[in-house]
Protein backbone atom coordinates (compact mmCIF):
# COMPACT_ATOMS: atom_id res chain seq x y z
CA MET A 1 33.50 -54.50 -112.13
CA GLN A 2 35.64 -53.51 -114.88
CA ILE A 3 39.35 -53.72 -114.36
CA LEU A 4 41.14 -50.76 -115.80
CA HIS A 5 44.73 -52.07 -115.32
CA GLU A 6 46.51 -54.79 -113.43
CA PRO A 7 48.57 -54.00 -110.35
CA GLN A 8 52.35 -53.57 -110.62
CA LEU A 9 54.58 -56.11 -109.06
CA ASP A 10 56.15 -53.58 -106.49
CA THR A 11 52.52 -52.82 -105.25
CA ILE A 12 51.77 -56.49 -104.74
CA LEU A 13 55.04 -57.11 -102.93
CA MET A 14 54.24 -54.00 -100.76
CA ILE A 15 50.98 -55.48 -99.61
CA GLU A 16 52.46 -58.99 -99.14
CA LYS A 17 55.06 -57.45 -96.89
CA ALA A 18 52.48 -55.44 -94.93
CA ILE A 19 50.46 -58.55 -94.29
CA ARG A 20 53.47 -60.74 -93.36
CA GLU A 21 54.91 -58.11 -91.00
CA ALA A 22 51.54 -57.11 -89.27
CA LYS A 23 51.67 -57.71 -85.51
CA SER A 24 48.03 -59.05 -85.54
CA TYR A 25 45.72 -60.04 -88.19
CA PRO A 26 44.53 -56.80 -89.83
CA THR A 27 41.05 -55.99 -91.34
CA LYS A 28 40.86 -54.83 -94.83
CA LYS A 29 40.41 -51.27 -93.84
CA GLU A 30 43.36 -51.40 -91.24
CA LEU A 31 45.60 -52.88 -93.85
CA TRP A 32 44.62 -50.45 -96.63
CA LYS A 33 44.98 -47.40 -94.29
CA ASN A 34 48.42 -48.49 -92.94
CA LEU A 35 50.14 -49.20 -96.22
CA PRO A 36 53.44 -47.30 -96.73
CA LYS A 37 51.95 -45.58 -99.83
CA GLN A 38 48.35 -45.26 -100.63
CA ILE A 39 46.81 -46.95 -103.64
CA GLN A 40 43.38 -47.02 -105.18
CA TYR A 41 40.91 -49.18 -103.19
CA GLN A 42 40.10 -51.01 -106.47
CA THR A 43 43.72 -51.98 -107.01
CA PHE A 44 43.87 -53.02 -103.36
CA ASN A 45 40.98 -55.33 -103.60
CA ARG A 46 42.28 -56.77 -106.86
CA ILE A 47 45.51 -57.64 -105.18
CA LEU A 48 43.86 -59.26 -102.29
CA GLN A 49 41.79 -61.38 -104.78
CA TYR A 50 45.10 -62.50 -106.39
CA LEU A 51 46.74 -63.36 -102.98
CA GLU A 52 43.62 -65.31 -101.82
CA GLY A 53 43.37 -67.11 -105.22
CA SER A 54 47.11 -68.10 -105.01
CA ASN A 55 46.65 -69.35 -101.39
CA LYS A 56 48.95 -66.84 -99.85
CA ILE A 57 46.26 -65.24 -97.64
CA VAL A 58 43.00 -66.33 -96.19
CA PHE A 59 40.34 -63.71 -95.70
CA ASP A 60 37.22 -64.63 -93.67
CA GLY A 61 35.33 -61.47 -94.46
CA ARG A 62 36.85 -59.57 -91.49
CA ARG A 63 40.48 -60.47 -90.96
CA ILE A 64 43.44 -61.28 -93.28
CA VAL A 65 45.86 -64.07 -92.43
CA TRP A 66 49.07 -64.69 -94.28
CA VAL A 67 49.23 -68.47 -94.70
CA PHE A 68 51.86 -68.97 -97.22
CA PRO A 69 54.50 -71.56 -96.02
CA ASP A 70 57.16 -68.76 -95.35
CA ASN A 71 55.13 -67.60 -92.37
CA PRO A 72 57.43 -68.06 -89.37
CA LYS A 73 54.39 -68.55 -86.93
CA LEU A 74 53.05 -71.36 -89.18
CA MET A 75 56.51 -72.92 -89.68
CA GLU A 76 56.96 -73.05 -85.77
CA LEU A 77 53.56 -74.55 -85.27
CA LEU A 78 54.23 -77.23 -87.97
CA GLU A 79 57.61 -78.03 -86.45
CA SER A 80 56.16 -78.45 -82.95
CA SER A 81 53.10 -80.55 -84.09
CA VAL A 82 52.72 -84.31 -83.67
CA LYS A 83 53.99 -86.18 -86.58
CA LEU A 84 51.60 -88.81 -87.94
CA ARG A 85 54.08 -90.69 -90.01
């Protein structure tokens, strides 16, 4: 796959926000269709690769989960977990 251009920062931030604020864990198609503005699918996939490579999301082939430490659900889980040390 030849990359024609790199995504712009505002587009990356738009996708990050959409994933963080999703009520459930969206599929790629659900996320892409529900973005505030439409982008090319190649650009969308490139951004998801970047987010996964930078450990901000986990993609299991079906669902996308925001795992960056600013996730309120994750922070709540960590705070209520048993401390080992």
